[in-house]
Amino acid sequence: MATSGMDALSKELHDFLCRLGEHPEQVSDKLQGYTQALLQLLTPADELLVKGRYGILGSTKESMAQLATRFNTDENTVEAMPKENSHHAGMAGHQSTDATQSHPIEIGSRRQTGRPLPTN
């Protein structure tokens, strides 16, 4: 896919995640389930970052500054996250400490969950 195609895809993904965070009632349960399944393919840190950035799927929306502090990185890196994930670059090398875990977790590499994607 050409760069302009990826830019368009990134914008559509951003717009969808904004809508899901601001008006979840406008997004079907099925599509919310698909979104959750896709987020589970990310690392735990990436999943938490995306959920926190957009305030989706039960997460509270956080500012770029709050997320940068939480994930021990800078605001520019947080802002670039969805675009980087759409290009499969991730945020490798940046460390985060998740409040639910006592050890640092790396942002950027995918995790294998063994969970099947929803079929209905």
Protein backbone atom coordinates (compact mmCIF):
# COMPACT_ATOMS: atom_id res chain seq x y z
CA MET A 1 0.00 0.00 0.00
CA ALA A 2 1.35 3.42 -0.89
CA THR A 3 2.23 5.91 1.83
CA SER A 4 -0.82 8.02 1.03
CA GLY A 5 -2.96 4.90 1.43
CA MET A 6 -1.44 4.24 4.86
CA ASP A 7 -1.96 7.88 5.81
CA ALA A 8 -5.63 7.55 4.86
CA LEU A 9 -5.90 4.30 6.82
CA SER A 10 -4.25 5.91 9.85
CA LYS A 11 -6.69 8.84 9.69
CA GLU A 12 -9.69 6.51 9.42
CA LEU A 13 -8.44 4.44 12.34
CA HIS A 14 -7.89 7.59 14.42
CA ASP A 15 -11.38 8.88 13.52
CA PHE A 16 -12.96 5.53 14.41
CA LEU A 17 -11.15 5.34 17.77
CA CYS A 18 -12.17 8.94 18.56
CA ARG A 19 -15.81 8.10 17.77
CA LEU A 20 -15.62 4.92 19.86
CA GLY A 21 -14.26 6.91 22.80
CA GLU A 22 -16.66 9.83 22.49
CA HIS A 23 -19.83 8.02 21.37
CA PRO A 24 -19.54 4.29 22.10
CA GLU A 25 -23.31 3.94 21.71
CA GLN A 26 -22.84 4.66 17.99
CA VAL A 27 -20.55 1.63 17.57
CA SER A 28 -22.11 -1.85 17.49
CA ASP A 29 -21.22 -4.38 20.18
CA LYS A 30 -19.86 -6.60 17.42
CA LEU A 31 -17.46 -3.91 16.16
CA GLN A 32 -16.42 -3.10 19.73
CA GLY A 33 -15.64 -6.81 20.20
CA TYR A 34 -13.54 -6.83 17.04
CA THR A 35 -11.70 -3.75 18.26
CA GLN A 36 -10.99 -5.41 21.62
CA ALA A 37 -9.72 -8.54 19.86
CA LEU A 38 -7.38 -6.48 17.68
CA LEU A 39 -6.06 -4.52 20.64
CA GLN A 40 -5.26 -7.80 22.39
CA LEU A 41 -2.77 -8.54 19.60
CA LEU A 42 -0.67 -5.60 20.83
CA THR A 43 1.62 -5.73 23.82
CA PRO A 44 -0.13 -5.05 27.12
CA ALA A 45 1.54 -1.61 27.25
CA ASP A 46 0.46 -0.70 23.71
CA GLU A 47 -3.08 -1.84 24.45
CA LEU A 48 -3.25 0.29 27.60
CA LEU A 49 -1.76 3.27 25.77
CA VAL A 50 -4.29 3.13 22.91
CA LYS A 51 -7.19 2.63 25.32
CA GLY A 52 -6.00 5.52 27.49
CA ARG A 53 -5.36 7.85 24.57
CA TYR A 54 -8.88 7.43 23.19
CA GLY A 55 -10.78 6.52 26.38
CA ILE A 56 -12.19 3.37 24.81
CA LEU A 57 -13.54 0.03 26.01
CA GLY A 58 -13.89 0.98 29.66
CA SER A 59 -10.73 3.07 29.95
CA THR A 60 -10.60 6.68 31.02
CA LYS A 61 -9.24 9.10 28.43
CA GLU A 62 -5.87 10.52 29.46
CA SER A 63 -3.94 13.51 28.13
CA MET A 64 -0.75 13.07 26.11
CA ALA A 65 1.22 14.35 29.12
CA GLN A 66 -0.42 11.84 31.47
CA LEU A 67 0.28 8.97 29.07
CA ALA A 68 3.88 10.11 28.53
CA THR A 69 4.44 10.13 32.29
CA ARG A 70 2.67 6.79 32.78
CA PHE A 71 4.68 5.09 30.04
CA ASN A 72 7.96 6.88 30.82
CA THR A 73 8.29 8.42 27.36
CA ASP A 74 7.69 11.78 25.68
CA GLU A 75 4.44 13.25 24.33
CA ASN A 76 5.61 13.07 20.70
CA THR A 77 6.09 9.32 21.01
CA VAL A 78 2.63 8.91 22.55
CA GLU A 79 1.06 11.04 19.81
CA ALA A 80 2.74 8.95 17.10
CA MET A 81 1.61 5.62 18.57
CA PRO A 82 -1.47 4.81 16.44
CA LYS A 83 0.29 5.92 13.25
CA GLU A 84 3.35 3.85 14.10
CA ASN A 85 1.24 0.79 14.86
CA SER A 86 -0.53 1.12 11.52
CA HIS A 87 2.92 0.99 9.92
CA HIS A 88 3.91 -1.96 12.18
CA ALA A 89 6.77 0.06 13.66
CA GLY A 90 5.49 0.25 17.22
CA MET A 91 7.44 2.01 19.94
CA ALA A 92 10.24 -0.51 20.43
CA GLY A 93 12.79 0.57 22.96
CA HIS A 94 10.47 2.64 25.12
CA GLN A 95 9.81 1.21 28.54
CA SER A 96 6.64 1.40 30.56
CA THR A 97 5.57 0.31 33.98
CA ASP A 98 1.96 -0.80 33.96
CA ALA A 99 0.11 -0.11 37.18
CA THR A 100 -1.11 -3.73 37.19
CA GLN A 101 2.40 -5.17 36.90
CA SER A 102 5.49 -4.66 39.03
CA HIS A 103 8.03 -5.02 36.21
CA PRO A 104 8.77 -2.78 33.21
CA ILE A 105 7.07 -3.80 29.99
CA GLU A 106 8.30 -2.85 26.54
CA ILE A 107 6.11 -0.92 24.18
CA GLY A 108 6.13 -2.03 20.55
CA SER A 109 6.20 -5.76 19.95
CA ARG A 110 3.08 -7.85 19.38
CA ARG A 111 1.97 -10.49 21.83
CA GLN A 112 0.56 -13.87 21.01
CA THR A 113 -2.62 -14.46 22.97
CA GLY A 114 -3.90 -17.69 21.50
CA ARG A 115 -7.38 -16.17 21.63
CA PRO A 116 -9.41 -16.54 18.45
CA LEU A 117 -10.96 -13.50 16.83
CA PRO A 118 -14.74 -13.27 17.26
CA THR A 119 -16.68 -14.90 14.44
CA ASN A 120 -20.14 -13.42 14.94
